């Protein structure tokens, strides 16, 4: 059985989840995952996210350390910083590895009305 997260780890995972819980930021991260290192202009073209919204969302991703930046002359390039998502990845991996308990929605009974009557 896995150990419980510390308060610090919980706060880190919660903050990361809040950052990831935004469609525009997820779209930017997805574009970076697919394309790799990408300039701001390319990200704008790939995602359809215009300025200043693009800059604002990239700043949030930078602050959360989810992306790395590299400057080449006047261009700024972004890439994924995979180590930043490690705490949330570990938590979600643990969560997704839970065995199925049989709970959830009941299965729909198959058969005729006579079969249903037998069940009752």
PDB file of N, CA and C in Angstrom:
ATOM      1  N   UNK A   1       0.852  -1.182   0.000  1.00  0.00           N
ATOM      2  CA  UNK A   1       0.000   0.000   0.000  1.00  0.00           C
ATOM      3  C   UNK A   1       0.896   1.242   0.000  1.00  0.00           C
ATOM      4  N   UNK A   2       0.518   2.231  -0.777  1.00  0.00           N
ATOM      5  CA  UNK A   2       1.290   3.462  -0.892  1.00  0.00           C
ATOM      6  C   UNK A   2       1.093   4.334   0.339  1.00  0.00           C
ATOM      7  N   UNK A   3       2.089   5.155   0.596  1.00  0.00           N
ATOM      8  CA  UNK A   3       2.003   6.083   1.729  1.00  0.00           C
ATOM      9  C   UNK A   3       1.233   7.328   1.324  1.00  0.00           C
ATOM     10  N   UNK A   4       0.597   7.939   2.303  1.00  0.00           N
ATOM     11  CA  UNK A   4      -0.153   9.173   2.067  1.00  0.00           C
ATOM     12  C   UNK A   4       0.814  10.295   1.720  1.00  0.00           C
ATOM     13  N   UNK A   5       0.339  11.211   0.905  1.00  0.00           N
ATOM     14  CA  UNK A   5       1.144  12.371   0.558  1.00  0.00           C
ATOM     15  C   UNK A   5       1.263  13.304   1.762  1.00  0.00           C
ATOM     16  N   UNK A   6       2.386  13.967   1.850  1.00  0.00           N
ATOM     17  CA  UNK A   6       2.562  14.975   2.895  1.00  0.00           C
ATOM     18  C   UNK A   6       1.729  16.197   2.532  1.00  0.00           C
ATOM     19  N   UNK A   7       1.530  17.077   3.495  1.00  0.00           N
ATOM     20  CA  UNK A   7       0.787  18.311   3.230  1.00  0.00           C
ATOM     21  C   UNK A   7       1.460  19.126   2.124  1.00  0.00           C
ATOM     22  N   UNK A   8       2.786  19.148   2.125  1.00  0.00           N
ATOM     23  CA  UNK A   8       3.524  19.882   1.099  1.00  0.00           C
ATOM     24  C   UNK A   8       3.301  19.263  -0.271  1.00  0.00           C
ATOM     25  N   UNK A   9       3.370  17.923  -0.334  1.00  0.00           N
ATOM     26  CA  UNK A   9       3.133  17.243  -1.613  1.00  0.00           C
ATOM     27  C   UNK A   9       1.707  17.459  -2.103  1.00  0.00           C
ATOM     28  N   UNK A  10       0.742  17.405  -1.192  1.00  0.00           N
ATOM     29  CA  UNK A  10      -0.651  17.656  -1.564  1.00  0.00           C
ATOM     30  C   UNK A  10      -0.828  19.060  -2.128  1.00  0.00           C
ATOM     31  N   UNK A  11      -0.203  20.032  -1.485  1.00  0.00           N
ATOM     32  CA  UNK A  11      -0.302  21.411  -1.962  1.00  0.00           C
ATOM     33  C   UNK A  11       0.330  21.551  -3.347  1.00  0.00           C
ATOM     34  N   UNK A  12       1.449  20.883  -3.561  1.00  0.00           N
ATOM     35  CA  UNK A  12       2.122  20.922  -4.861  1.00  0.00           C
ATOM     36  C   UNK A  12       1.251  20.315  -5.950  1.00  0.00           C
ATOM     37  N   UNK A  13       0.682  19.150  -5.669  1.00  0.00           N
ATOM     38  CA  UNK A  13      -0.177  18.473  -6.645  1.00  0.00           C
ATOM     39  C   UNK A  13      -1.433  19.308  -6.904  1.00  0.00           C
ATOM     40  N   UNK A  14      -2.029  19.861  -5.867  1.00  0.00           N
ATOM     41  CA  UNK A  14      -3.240  20.667  -6.028  1.00  0.00           C
ATOM     42  C   UNK A  14      -2.971  21.903  -6.893  1.00  0.00           C
ATOM     43  N   UNK A  15      -1.857  22.561  -6.662  1.00  0.00           N
ATOM     44  CA  UNK A  15      -1.513  23.746  -7.455  1.00  0.00           C
ATOM     45  C   UNK A  15      -1.275  23.370  -8.919  1.00  0.00           C
ATOM     46  N   UNK A  16      -0.597  22.267  -9.134  1.00  0.00           N
ATOM     47  CA  UNK A  16      -0.350  21.803 -10.499  1.00  0.00           C
ATOM     48  C   UNK A  16      -1.667  21.459 -11.199  1.00  0.00           C
ATOM     49  N   UNK A  17      -2.564  20.788 -10.473  1.00  0.00           N
ATOM     50  CA  UNK A  17      -3.862  20.443 -11.054  1.00  0.00           C
ATOM     51  C   UNK A  17      -4.663  21.699 -11.401  1.00  0.00           C
ATOM     52  N   UNK A  18      -4.595  22.718 -10.544  1.00  0.00           N
ATOM     53  CA  UNK A  18      -5.284  23.982 -10.851  1.00  0.00           C
ATOM     54  C   UNK A  18      -4.716  24.595 -12.130  1.00  0.00           C
ATOM     55  N   UNK A  19      -3.413  24.558 -12.262  1.00  0.00           N
ATOM     56  CA  UNK A  19      -2.776  25.110 -13.455  1.00  0.00           C
ATOM     57  C   UNK A  19      -3.186  24.329 -14.697  1.00  0.00           C
ATOM     58  N   UNK A  20      -3.246  23.016 -14.580  1.00  0.00           N
ATOM     59  CA  UNK A  20      -3.603  22.168 -15.720  1.00  0.00           C
ATOM     60  C   UNK A  20      -5.104  22.191 -16.020  1.00  0.00           C
ATOM     61  N   UNK A  21      -5.897  22.659 -15.076  1.00  0.00           N
ATOM     62  CA  UNK A  21      -7.350  22.644 -15.237  1.00  0.00           C
ATOM     63  C   UNK A  21      -7.883  23.787 -16.081  1.00  0.00           C
ATOM     64  N   UNK A  22      -7.194  24.130 -17.125  1.00  0.00           N
ATOM     65  CA  UNK A  22      -7.603  25.229 -18.000  1.00  0.00           C
ATOM     66  C   UNK A  22      -7.394  24.776 -19.440  1.00  0.00           C
ATOM     67  N   UNK A  23      -8.452  24.828 -20.232  1.00  0.00           N
ATOM     68  CA  UNK A  23      -8.413  24.292 -21.598  1.00  0.00           C
ATOM     69  C   UNK A  23      -7.317  24.920 -22.453  1.00  0.00           C
ATOM     70  N   UNK A  24      -7.117  26.213 -22.350  1.00  0.00           N
ATOM     71  CA  UNK A  24      -6.106  26.886 -23.168  1.00  0.00           C
ATOM     72  C   UNK A  24      -4.704  26.395 -22.806  1.00  0.00           C
ATOM     73  N   UNK A  25      -4.434  26.277 -21.518  1.00  0.00           N
ATOM     74  CA  UNK A  25      -3.109  25.795 -21.110  1.00  0.00           C
ATOM     75  C   UNK A  25      -2.897  24.342 -21.534  1.00  0.00           C
ATOM     76  N   UNK A  26      -3.949  23.532 -21.437  1.00  0.00           N
ATOM     77  CA  UNK A  26      -3.838  22.151 -21.907  1.00  0.00           C
ATOM     78  C   UNK A  26      -3.580  22.113 -23.412  1.00  0.00           C
ATOM     79  N   UNK A  27      -4.231  22.996 -24.156  1.00  0.00           N
ATOM     80  CA  UNK A  27      -4.007  23.060 -25.602  1.00  0.00           C
ATOM     81  C   UNK A  27      -2.555  23.414 -25.914  1.00  0.00           C
ATOM     82  N   UNK A  28      -1.994  24.354 -25.164  1.00  0.00           N
ATOM     83  CA  UNK A  28      -0.595  24.737 -25.370  1.00  0.00           C
ATOM     84  C   UNK A  28       0.348  23.578 -25.039  1.00  0.00           C
ATOM     85  N   UNK A  29       0.101  22.914 -23.915  1.00  0.00           N
ATOM     86  CA  UNK A  29       0.950  21.777 -23.543  1.00  0.00           C
ATOM     87  C   UNK A  29       0.833  20.647 -24.555  1.00  0.00           C
ATOM     88  N   UNK A  30      -0.365  20.422 -25.053  1.00  0.00           N
ATOM     89  CA  UNK A  30      -0.560  19.376 -26.058  1.00  0.00           C
ATOM     90  C   UNK A  30       0.213  19.707 -27.334  1.00  0.00           C
ATOM     91  N   UNK A  31       0.165  20.950 -27.761  1.00  0.00           N
ATOM     92  CA  UNK A  31       0.913  21.366 -28.955  1.00  0.00           C
ATOM     93  C   UNK A  31       2.406  21.145 -28.747  1.00  0.00           C
ATOM     94  N   UNK A  32       2.901  21.452 -27.549  1.00  0.00           N
ATOM     95  CA  UNK A  32       4.324  21.247 -27.262  1.00  0.00           C
ATOM     96  C   UNK A  32       4.676  19.764 -27.199  1.00  0.00           C
ATOM     97  N   UNK A  33       3.767  18.954 -26.694  1.00  0.00           N
ATOM     98  CA  UNK A  33       4.009  17.509 -26.667  1.00  0.00           C
ATOM     99  C   UNK A  33       4.095  16.946 -28.078  1.00  0.00           C
ATOM    100  N   UNK A  34       3.226  17.415 -28.956  1.00  0.00           N
ATOM    101  CA  UNK A  34       3.188  16.908 -30.331  1.00  0.00           C
ATOM    102  C   UNK A  34       4.365  17.441 -31.147  1.00  0.00           C
ATOM    103  N   UNK A  35       4.631  18.741 -31.069  1.00  0.00           N
ATOM    104  CA  UNK A  35       5.619  19.384 -31.940  1.00  0.00           C
ATOM    105  C   UNK A  35       7.010  19.458 -31.329  1.00  0.00           C
ATOM    106  N   UNK A  36       7.105  19.405 -30.008  1.00  0.00           N
ATOM    107  CA  UNK A  36       8.404  19.626 -29.375  1.00  0.00           C
ATOM    108  C   UNK A  36       8.650  21.111 -29.211  1.00  0.00           C
ATOM    109  N   UNK A  37       9.898  21.494 -29.078  1.00  0.00           N
ATOM    110  CA  UNK A  37      10.234  22.901 -28.876  1.00  0.00           C
ATOM    111  C   UNK A  37       9.646  23.754 -30.002  1.00  0.00           C
ATOM    112  N   UNK A  38       8.957  24.828 -29.597  1.00  0.00           N
ATOM    113  CA  UNK A  38       8.200  25.630 -30.551  1.00  0.00           C
ATOM    114  C   UNK A  38       8.302  27.105 -30.181  1.00  0.00           C
ATOM    115  N   UNK A  39       8.395  27.951 -31.193  1.00  0.00           N
ATOM    116  CA  UNK A  39       8.428  29.391 -30.934  1.00  0.00           C
ATOM    117  C   UNK A  39       7.029  29.900 -30.614  1.00  0.00           C
ATOM    118  N   UNK A  40       6.972  31.080 -30.052  1.00  0.00           N
ATOM    119  CA  UNK A  40       5.687  31.684 -29.696  1.00  0.00           C
ATOM    120  C   UNK A  40       4.823  31.868 -30.946  1.00  0.00           C
ATOM    121  N   UNK A  41       5.422  32.330 -32.029  1.00  0.00           N
ATOM    122  CA  UNK A  41       4.679  32.514 -33.271  1.00  0.00           C
ATOM    123  C   UNK A  41       4.103  31.209 -33.790  1.00  0.00           C
ATOM    124  N   UNK A  42       4.885  30.149 -33.725  1.00  0.00           N
ATOM    125  CA  UNK A  42       4.399  28.837 -34.156  1.00  0.00           C
ATOM    126  C   UNK A  42       3.266  28.351 -33.255  1.00  0.00           C
ATOM    127  N   UNK A  43       3.404  28.575 -31.940  1.00  0.00           N
ATOM    128  CA  UNK A  43       2.339  28.182 -31.010  1.00  0.00           C
ATOM    129  C   UNK A  43       1.047  28.920 -31.326  1.00  0.00           C
ATOM    130  N   UNK A  44       1.163  30.189 -31.663  1.00  0.00           N
ATOM    131  CA  UNK A  44      -0.019  30.974 -32.017  1.00  0.00           C
ATOM    132  C   UNK A  44      -0.697  30.369 -33.253  1.00  0.00           C
ATOM    133  N   UNK A  45       0.090  30.008 -34.250  1.00  0.00           N
ATOM    134  CA  UNK A  45      -0.458  29.419 -35.477  1.00  0.00           C
ATOM    135  C   UNK A  45      -1.027  28.024 -35.222  1.00  0.00           C
ATOM    136  N   UNK A  46      -0.351  27.226 -34.427  1.00  0.00           N
ATOM    137  CA  UNK A  46      -0.786  25.853 -34.161  1.00  0.00           C
ATOM    138  C   UNK A  46      -2.078  25.791 -33.358  1.00  0.00           C
ATOM    139  N   UNK A  47      -2.204  26.680 -32.382  1.00  0.00           N
ATOM    140  CA  UNK A  47      -3.319  26.595 -31.443  1.00  0.00           C
ATOM    141  C   UNK A  47      -4.466  27.548 -31.753  1.00  0.00           C
ATOM    142  N   UNK A  48      -4.184  28.596 -32.521  1.00  0.00           N
ATOM    143  CA  UNK A  48      -5.215  29.596 -32.792  1.00  0.00           C
ATOM    144  C   UNK A  48      -5.445  30.534 -31.624  1.00  0.00           C
ATOM    145  N   UNK A  49      -4.586  30.474 -30.633  1.00  0.00           N
ATOM    146  CA  UNK A  49      -4.701  31.349 -29.467  1.00  0.00           C
ATOM    147  C   UNK A  49      -3.952  32.641 -29.785  1.00  0.00           C
ATOM    148  N   UNK A  50      -4.682  33.750 -29.790  1.00  0.00           N
ATOM    149  CA  UNK A  50      -4.070  35.025 -30.146  1.00  0.00           C
ATOM    150  C   UNK A  50      -3.443  35.736 -28.965  1.00  0.00           C
ATOM    151  N   UNK A  51      -2.679  36.769 -29.299  1.00  0.00           N
ATOM    152  CA  UNK A  51      -2.105  37.628 -28.275  1.00  0.00           C
ATOM    153  C   UNK A  51      -3.224  38.515 -27.739  1.00  0.00           C
ATOM    154  N   UNK A  52      -3.273  38.946 -26.512  1.00  0.00           N
ATOM    155  CA  UNK A  52      -2.313  38.707 -25.437  1.00  0.00           C
ATOM    156  C   UNK A  52      -2.590  37.444 -24.624  1.00  0.00           C
ATOM    157  N   UNK A  53      -3.680  36.761 -24.964  1.00  0.00           N
ATOM    158  CA  UNK A  53      -4.037  35.556 -24.208  1.00  0.00           C
ATOM    159  C   UNK A  53      -2.937  34.507 -24.213  1.00  0.00           C
ATOM    160  N   UNK A  54      -2.273  34.359 -25.358  1.00  0.00           N
ATOM    161  CA  UNK A  54      -1.189  33.381 -25.469  1.00  0.00           C
ATOM    162  C   UNK A  54      -0.072  33.706 -24.484  1.00  0.00           C
ATOM    163  N   UNK A  55       0.347  34.958 -24.463  1.00  0.00           N
ATOM    164  CA  UNK A  55       1.422  35.360 -23.541  1.00  0.00           C
ATOM    165  C   UNK A  55       1.018  35.150 -22.089  1.00  0.00           C
ATOM    166  N   UNK A  56      -0.228  35.469 -21.773  1.00  0.00           N
ATOM    167  CA  UNK A  56      -0.710  35.310 -20.397  1.00  0.00           C
ATOM    168  C   UNK A  56      -0.671  33.838 -19.974  1.00  0.00           C
ATOM    169  N   UNK A  57      -1.151  32.955 -20.833  1.00  0.00           N
ATOM    170  CA  UNK A  57      -1.183  31.532 -20.479  1.00  0.00           C
ATOM    171  C   UNK A  57       0.233  30.937 -20.444  1.00  0.00           C
ATOM    172  N   UNK A  58       1.092  31.366 -21.334  1.00  0.00           N
ATOM    173  CA  UNK A  58       2.484  30.893 -21.299  1.00  0.00           C
ATOM    174  C   UNK A  58       3.186  31.360 -20.019  1.00  0.00           C
ATOM    175  N   UNK A  59       2.865  32.562 -19.564  1.00  0.00           N
ATOM    176  CA  UNK A  59       3.452  33.066 -18.314  1.00  0.00           C
ATOM    177  C   UNK A  59       3.020  32.200 -17.134  1.00  0.00           C
ATOM    178  N   UNK A  60       1.768  31.768 -17.126  1.00  0.00           N
ATOM    179  CA  UNK A  60       1.275  30.902 -16.048  1.00  0.00           C
ATOM    180  C   UNK A  60       1.987  29.555 -16.102  1.00  0.00           C
ATOM    181  N   UNK A  61       2.174  29.018 -17.301  1.00  0.00           N
ATOM    182  CA  UNK A  61       2.891  27.747 -17.436  1.00  0.00           C
ATOM    183  C   UNK A  61       4.356  27.884 -17.020  1.00  0.00           C
ATOM    184  N   UNK A  62       4.969  29.033 -17.335  1.00  0.00           N
ATOM    185  CA  UNK A  62       6.360  29.287 -16.898  1.00  0.00           C
ATOM    186  C   UNK A  62       6.438  29.369 -15.381  1.00  0.00           C
ATOM    187  N   UNK A  63       5.508  30.092 -14.767  1.00  0.00           N
ATOM    188  CA  UNK A  63       5.499  30.249 -13.304  1.00  0.00           C
ATOM    189  C   UNK A  63       5.338  28.891 -12.611  1.00  0.00           C
ATOM    190  N   UNK A  64       4.552  28.004 -13.208  1.00  0.00           N
ATOM    191  CA  UNK A  64       4.345  26.669 -12.649  1.00  0.00           C
ATOM    192  C   UNK A  64       5.489  25.720 -13.007  1.00  0.00           C
ATOM    193  N   UNK A  65       6.473  26.219 -13.749  1.00  0.00           N
ATOM    194  CA  UNK A  65       7.645  25.447 -14.179  1.00  0.00           C
ATOM    195  C   UNK A  65       7.263  24.246 -15.044  1.00  0.00           C
ATOM    196  N   UNK A  66       6.163  24.378 -15.780  1.00  0.00           N
ATOM    197  CA  UNK A  66       5.730  23.307 -16.676  1.00  0.00           C
ATOM    198  C   UNK A  66       6.382  23.403 -18.050  1.00  0.00           C
ATOM    199  N   UNK A  67       6.948  24.567 -18.352  1.00  0.00           N
ATOM    200  CA  UNK A  67       7.635  24.747 -19.625  1.00  0.00           C
ATOM    201  C   UNK A  67       9.010  25.357 -19.391  1.00  0.00           C
ATOM    202  N   UNK A  68       9.906  25.055 -20.310  1.00  0.00           N
ATOM    203  CA  UNK A  68      11.226  25.674 -20.352  1.00  0.00           C
ATOM    204  C   UNK A  68      11.228  26.676 -21.492  1.00  0.00           C
ATOM    205  N   UNK A  69      12.046  27.717 -21.367  1.00  0.00           N
ATOM    206  CA  UNK A  69      12.160  28.696 -22.442  1.00  0.00           C
ATOM    207  C   UNK A  69      13.608  28.797 -22.900  1.00  0.00           C
ATOM    208  N   UNK A  70      13.746  29.169 -24.162  1.00  0.00           N
ATOM    209  CA  UNK A  70      15.071  29.403 -24.747  1.00  0.00           C
ATOM    210  C   UNK A  70      14.922  30.577 -25.689  1.00  0.00           C
ATOM    211  N   UNK A  71      15.823  31.534 -25.573  1.00  0.00           N
ATOM    212  CA  UNK A  71      15.778  32.710 -26.439  1.00  0.00           C
ATOM    213  C   UNK A  71      16.845  32.568 -27.523  1.00  0.00           C
ATOM    214  N   UNK A  72      16.433  32.844 -28.753  1.00  0.00           N
ATOM    215  CA  UNK A  72      17.354  32.882 -29.890  1.00  0.00           C
ATOM    216  C   UNK A  72      17.059  34.171 -30.646  1.00  0.00           C
ATOM    217  N   UNK A  73      17.941  35.131 -30.487  1.00  0.00           N
ATOM    218  CA  UNK A  73      17.751  36.474 -31.041  1.00  0.00           C
ATOM    219  C   UNK A  73      16.452  37.048 -30.480  1.00  0.00           C
ATOM    220  N   UNK A  74      15.483  37.368 -31.338  1.00  0.00           N
ATOM    221  CA  UNK A  74      14.226  37.942 -30.859  1.00  0.00           C
ATOM    222  C   UNK A  74      13.153  36.896 -30.601  1.00  0.00           C
ATOM    223  N   UNK A  75      13.435  35.641 -30.923  1.00  0.00           N
ATOM    224  CA  UNK A  75      12.442  34.582 -30.754  1.00  0.00           C
ATOM    225  C   UNK A  75      12.589  33.888 -29.411  1.00  0.00           C
ATOM    226  N   UNK A  76      11.446  33.541 -28.820  1.00  0.00           N
ATOM    227  CA  UNK A  76      11.434  32.749 -27.590  1.00  0.00           C
ATOM    228  C   UNK A  76      10.821  31.405 -27.940  1.00  0.00           C
ATOM    229  N   UNK A  77      11.522  30.344 -27.564  1.00  0.00           N
ATOM    230  CA  UNK A  77      11.066  28.989 -27.820  1.00  0.00           C
ATOM    231  C   UNK A  77      10.627  28.349 -26.509  1.00  0.00           C
ATOM    232  N   UNK A  78       9.569  27.560 -26.587  1.00  0.00           N
ATOM    233  CA  UNK A  78       9.035  26.860 -25.421  1.00  0.00           C
ATOM    234  C   UNK A  78       9.142  25.355 -25.629  1.00  0.00           C
ATOM    235  N   UNK A  79       9.380  24.653 -24.531  1.00  0.00           N
ATOM    236  CA  UNK A  79       9.366  23.191 -24.543  1.00  0.00           C
ATOM    237  C   UNK A  79       8.823  22.715 -23.199  1.00  0.00           C
ATOM    238  N   UNK A  80       8.379  21.472 -23.184  1.00  0.00           N
ATOM    239  CA  UNK A  80       7.834  20.878 -21.964  1.00  0.00           C
ATOM    240  C   UNK A  80       8.951  20.651 -20.952  1.00  0.00           C
ATOM    241  N   UNK A  81       8.651  20.908 -19.688  1.00  0.00           N
ATOM    242  CA  UNK A  81       9.563  20.597 -18.577  1.00  0.00           C
ATOM    243  C   UNK A  81       8.965  19.396 -17.843  1.00  0.00           C
ATOM    244  N   UNK A  82       9.293  18.172 -18.288  1.00  0.00           N
ATOM    245  CA  UNK A  82       8.606  16.988 -17.765  1.00  0.00           C
ATOM    246  C   UNK A  82       8.771  16.773 -16.264  1.00  0.00           C
ATOM    247  N   UNK A  83       9.860  17.216 -15.700  1.00  0.00           N
ATOM    248  CA  UNK A  83      10.075  17.001 -14.269  1.00  0.00           C
ATOM    249  C   UNK A  83       9.072  17.752 -13.401  1.00  0.00           C
ATOM    250  N   UNK A  84       8.493  18.824 -13.926  1.00  0.00           N
ATOM    251  CA  UNK A  84       7.549  19.622 -13.143  1.00  0.00           C
ATOM    252  C   UNK A  84       6.252  18.866 -12.870  1.00  0.00           C
ATOM    253  N   UNK A  85       5.864  17.995 -13.767  1.00  0.00           N
ATOM    254  CA  UNK A  85       4.615  17.265 -13.605  1.00  0.00           C
ATOM    255  C   UNK A  85       4.789  15.965 -12.827  1.00  0.00           C
ATOM    256  N   UNK A  86       5.998  15.661 -12.403  1.00  0.00           N
ATOM    257  CA  UNK A  86       6.272  14.380 -11.740  1.00  0.00           C
ATOM    258  C   UNK A  86       5.387  14.120 -10.513  1.00  0.00           C
ATOM    259  N   UNK A  87       5.196  15.078  -9.599  1.00  0.00           N
ATOM    260  CA  UNK A  87       4.354  14.782  -8.431  1.00  0.00           C
ATOM    261  C   UNK A  87       2.910  14.441  -8.806  1.00  0.00           C
ATOM    262  N   UNK A  88       2.337  15.205  -9.744  1.00  0.00           N
ATOM    263  CA  UNK A  88       0.962  14.932 -10.158  1.00  0.00           C
ATOM    264  C   UNK A  88       0.888  13.627 -10.944  1.00  0.00           C
ATOM    265  N   UNK A  89       1.899  13.362 -11.762  1.00  0.00           N
ATOM    266  CA  UNK A  89       1.935  12.115 -12.526  1.00  0.00           C
ATOM    267  C   UNK A  89       1.963  10.918 -11.589  1.00  0.00           C
ATOM    268  N   UNK A  90       2.788  10.991 -10.558  1.00  0.00           N
ATOM    269  CA  UNK A  90       2.876   9.889  -9.590  1.00  0.00           C
ATOM    270  C   UNK A  90       1.538   9.696  -8.879  1.00  0.00           C
ATOM    271  N   UNK A  91       0.899  10.793  -8.500  1.00  0.00           N
ATOM    272  CA  UNK A  91      -0.396  10.697  -7.822  1.00  0.00           C
ATOM    273  C   UNK A  91      -1.454  10.102  -8.734  1.00  0.00           C
ATOM    274  N   UNK A  92      -1.535  10.594  -9.970  1.00  0.00           N
ATOM    275  CA  UNK A  92      -2.540  10.091 -10.907  1.00  0.00           C
ATOM    276  C   UNK A  92      -2.276   8.636 -11.288  1.00  0.00           C
ATOM    277  N   UNK A  93      -1.023   8.248 -11.345  1.00  0.00           N
ATOM    278  CA  UNK A  93      -0.687   6.850 -11.620  1.00  0.00           C
ATOM    279  C   UNK A  93      -1.189   5.963 -10.492  1.00  0.00           C
ATOM    280  N   UNK A  94      -0.975   6.396  -9.259  1.00  0.00           N
ATOM    281  CA  UNK A  94      -1.491   5.637  -8.107  1.00  0.00           C
ATOM    282  C   UNK A  94      -3.009   5.555  -8.157  1.00  0.00           C
ATOM    283  N   UNK A  95      -3.637   6.666  -8.483  1.00  0.00           N
ATOM    284  CA  UNK A  95      -5.094   6.725  -8.527  1.00  0.00           C
ATOM    285  C   UNK A  95      -5.645   5.816  -9.626  1.00  0.00           C
ATOM    286  N   UNK A  96      -4.997   5.806 -10.773  1.00  0.00           N
ATOM    287  CA  UNK A  96      -5.498   5.000 -11.889  1.00  0.00           C
ATOM    288  C   UNK A  96      -5.218   3.510 -11.714  1.00  0.00           C
ATOM    289  N   UNK A  97      -4.345   3.157 -10.782  1.00  0.00           N
ATOM    290  CA  UNK A  97      -4.001   1.754 -10.563  1.00  0.00           C
ATOM    291  C   UNK A  97      -4.930   1.073  -9.559  1.00  0.00           C
ATOM    292  N   UNK A  98      -5.923   1.794  -9.062  1.00  0.00           N
ATOM    293  CA  UNK A  98      -6.857   1.198  -8.102  1.00  0.00           C
ATOM    294  C   UNK A  98      -7.627   0.068  -8.763  1.00  0.00           C
ATOM    295  N   UNK A  99      -7.823  -1.033  -8.044  1.00  0.00           N
ATOM    296  CA  UNK A  99      -8.607  -2.122  -8.622  1.00  0.00           C
ATOM    297  C   UNK A  99     -10.068  -1.720  -8.724  1.00  0.00           C
ATOM    298  N   UNK A 100     -10.740  -2.277  -9.694  1.00  0.00           N
ATOM    299  CA  UNK A 100     -12.164  -1.984  -9.841  1.00  0.00           C
ATOM    300  C   UNK A 100     -12.910  -2.650  -8.696  1.00  0.00           C
ATOM    301  N   UNK A 101     -13.854  -1.927  -8.129  1.00  0.00           N
ATOM    302  CA  UNK A 101     -14.574  -2.439  -6.959  1.00  0.00           C
ATOM    303  C   UNK A 101     -15.937  -2.995  -7.314  1.00  0.00           C
ATOM    304  N   UNK A 102     -16.314  -2.883  -8.563  1.00  0.00           N
ATOM    305  CA  UNK A 102     -17.639  -3.363  -8.952  1.00  0.00           C
ATOM    306  C   UNK A 102     -18.711  -2.328  -8.709  1.00  0.00           C
ATOM    307  N   UNK A 103     -18.322  -1.149  -8.200  1.00  0.00           N
ATOM    308  CA  UNK A 103     -19.294  -0.089  -7.961  1.00  0.00           C
ATOM    309  C   UNK A 103     -19.649   0.602  -9.254  1.00  0.00           C
ATOM    310  N   UNK A 104     -20.256   1.714  -9.141  1.00  0.00           N
ATOM    311  CA  UNK A 104     -20.616   2.477 -10.321  1.00  0.00           C
ATOM    312  C   UNK A 104     -22.017   2.133 -10.799  1.00  0.00           C
ATOM    313  N   UNK A 105     -22.231   2.313 -12.064  1.00  0.00           N
ATOM    314  CA  UNK A 105     -23.545   2.093 -12.656  1.00  0.00           C
ATOM    315  C   UNK A 105     -23.855   0.597 -12.721  1.00  0.00           C
ATOM    316  N   UNK A 106     -25.064   0.212 -12.342  1.00  0.00           N
ATOM    317  CA  UNK A 106     -25.423  -1.204 -12.452  1.00  0.00           C
ATOM    318  C   UNK A 106     -25.534  -1.612 -13.908  1.00  0.00           C
ATOM    319  N   UNK A 107     -25.251  -2.858 -14.168  1.00  0.00           N
ATOM    320  CA  UNK A 107     -25.384  -3.366 -15.529  1.00  0.00           C
ATOM    321  C   UNK A 107     -26.853  -3.444 -15.904  1.00  0.00           C
ATOM    322  N   UNK A 108     -27.109  -3.199 -17.150  1.00  0.00           N
ATOM    323  CA  UNK A 108     -28.467  -3.262 -17.656  1.00  0.00           C
ATOM    324  C   UNK A 108     -28.856  -4.723 -17.845  1.00  0.00           C
ATOM    325  N   UNK A 109     -29.997  -5.085 -17.294  1.00  0.00           N
ATOM    326  CA  UNK A 109     -30.472  -6.465 -17.423  1.00  0.00           C
ATOM    327  C   UNK A 109     -30.834  -6.735 -18.870  1.00  0.00           C
ATOM    328  N   UNK A 110     -30.512  -7.926 -19.329  1.00  0.00           N
ATOM    329  CA  UNK A 110     -30.845  -8.306 -20.697  1.00  0.00           C
ATOM    330  C   UNK A 110     -31.927  -9.358 -20.671  1.00  0.00           C
ATOM    331  N   UNK A 111     -32.778  -9.302 -21.620  1.00  0.00           N
ATOM    332  CA  UNK A 111     -33.814 -10.315 -21.720  1.00  0.00           C
ATOM    333  C   UNK A 111     -35.188  -9.700 -21.820  1.00  0.00           C
ATOM    334  N   UNK A 112     -36.169 -10.544 -21.694  1.00  0.00           N
ATOM    335  CA  UNK A 112     -37.557 -10.124 -21.877  1.00  0.00           C
ATOM    336  C   UNK A 112     -38.168  -9.682 -20.554  1.00  0.00           C
ATOM    337  N   UNK A 113     -39.417  -9.306 -20.614  1.00  0.00           N
ATOM    338  CA  UNK A 113     -40.143  -8.924 -19.409  1.00  0.00           C
ATOM    339  C   UNK A 113     -40.273 -10.116 -18.470  1.00  0.00           C
ATOM    340  N   UNK A 114     -40.352 -11.337 -19.036  1.00  0.00           N
ATOM    341  CA  UNK A 114     -40.454 -12.538 -18.209  1.00  0.00           C
ATOM    342  C   UNK A 114     -39.173 -12.734 -17.388  1.00  0.00           C
ATOM    343  N   UNK A 115     -38.034 -12.462 -18.009  1.00  0.00           N
ATOM    344  CA  UNK A 115     -36.766 -12.556 -17.279  1.00  0.00           C
ATOM    345  C   UNK A 115     -36.739 -11.539 -16.151  1.00  0.00           C
ATOM    346  N   UNK A 116     -37.213 -10.339 -16.408  1.00  0.00           N
ATOM    347  CA  UNK A 116     -37.264  -9.300 -15.393  1.00  0.00           C
ATOM    348  C   UNK A 116     -38.153  -9.750 -14.231  1.00  0.00           C
ATOM    349  N   UNK A 117     -39.286 -10.365 -14.537  1.00  0.00           N
ATOM    350  CA  UNK A 117     -40.211 -10.835 -13.496  1.00  0.00           C
ATOM    351  C   UNK A 117     -39.557 -11.898 -12.635  1.00  0.00           C
ATOM    352  N   UNK A 118     -38.723 -12.766 -13.228  1.00  0.00           N
ATOM    353  CA  UNK A 118     -38.042 -13.801 -12.450  1.00  0.00           C
ATOM    354  C   UNK A 118     -37.072 -13.197 -11.451  1.00  0.00           C
ATOM    355  N   UNK A 119     -36.456 -12.083 -11.833  1.00  0.00           N
ATOM    356  CA  UNK A 119     -35.485 -11.423 -10.976  1.00  0.00           C
ATOM    357  C   UNK A 119     -36.174 -10.883  -9.733  1.00  0.00           C
ATOM    358  N   UNK A 120     -37.376 -10.335  -9.889  1.00  0.00           N
ATOM    359  CA  UNK A 120     -38.099  -9.761  -8.769  1.00  0.00           C
ATOM    360  C   UNK A 120     -38.600 -10.882  -7.879  1.00  0.00           C
TER     361      UNK A 120
END
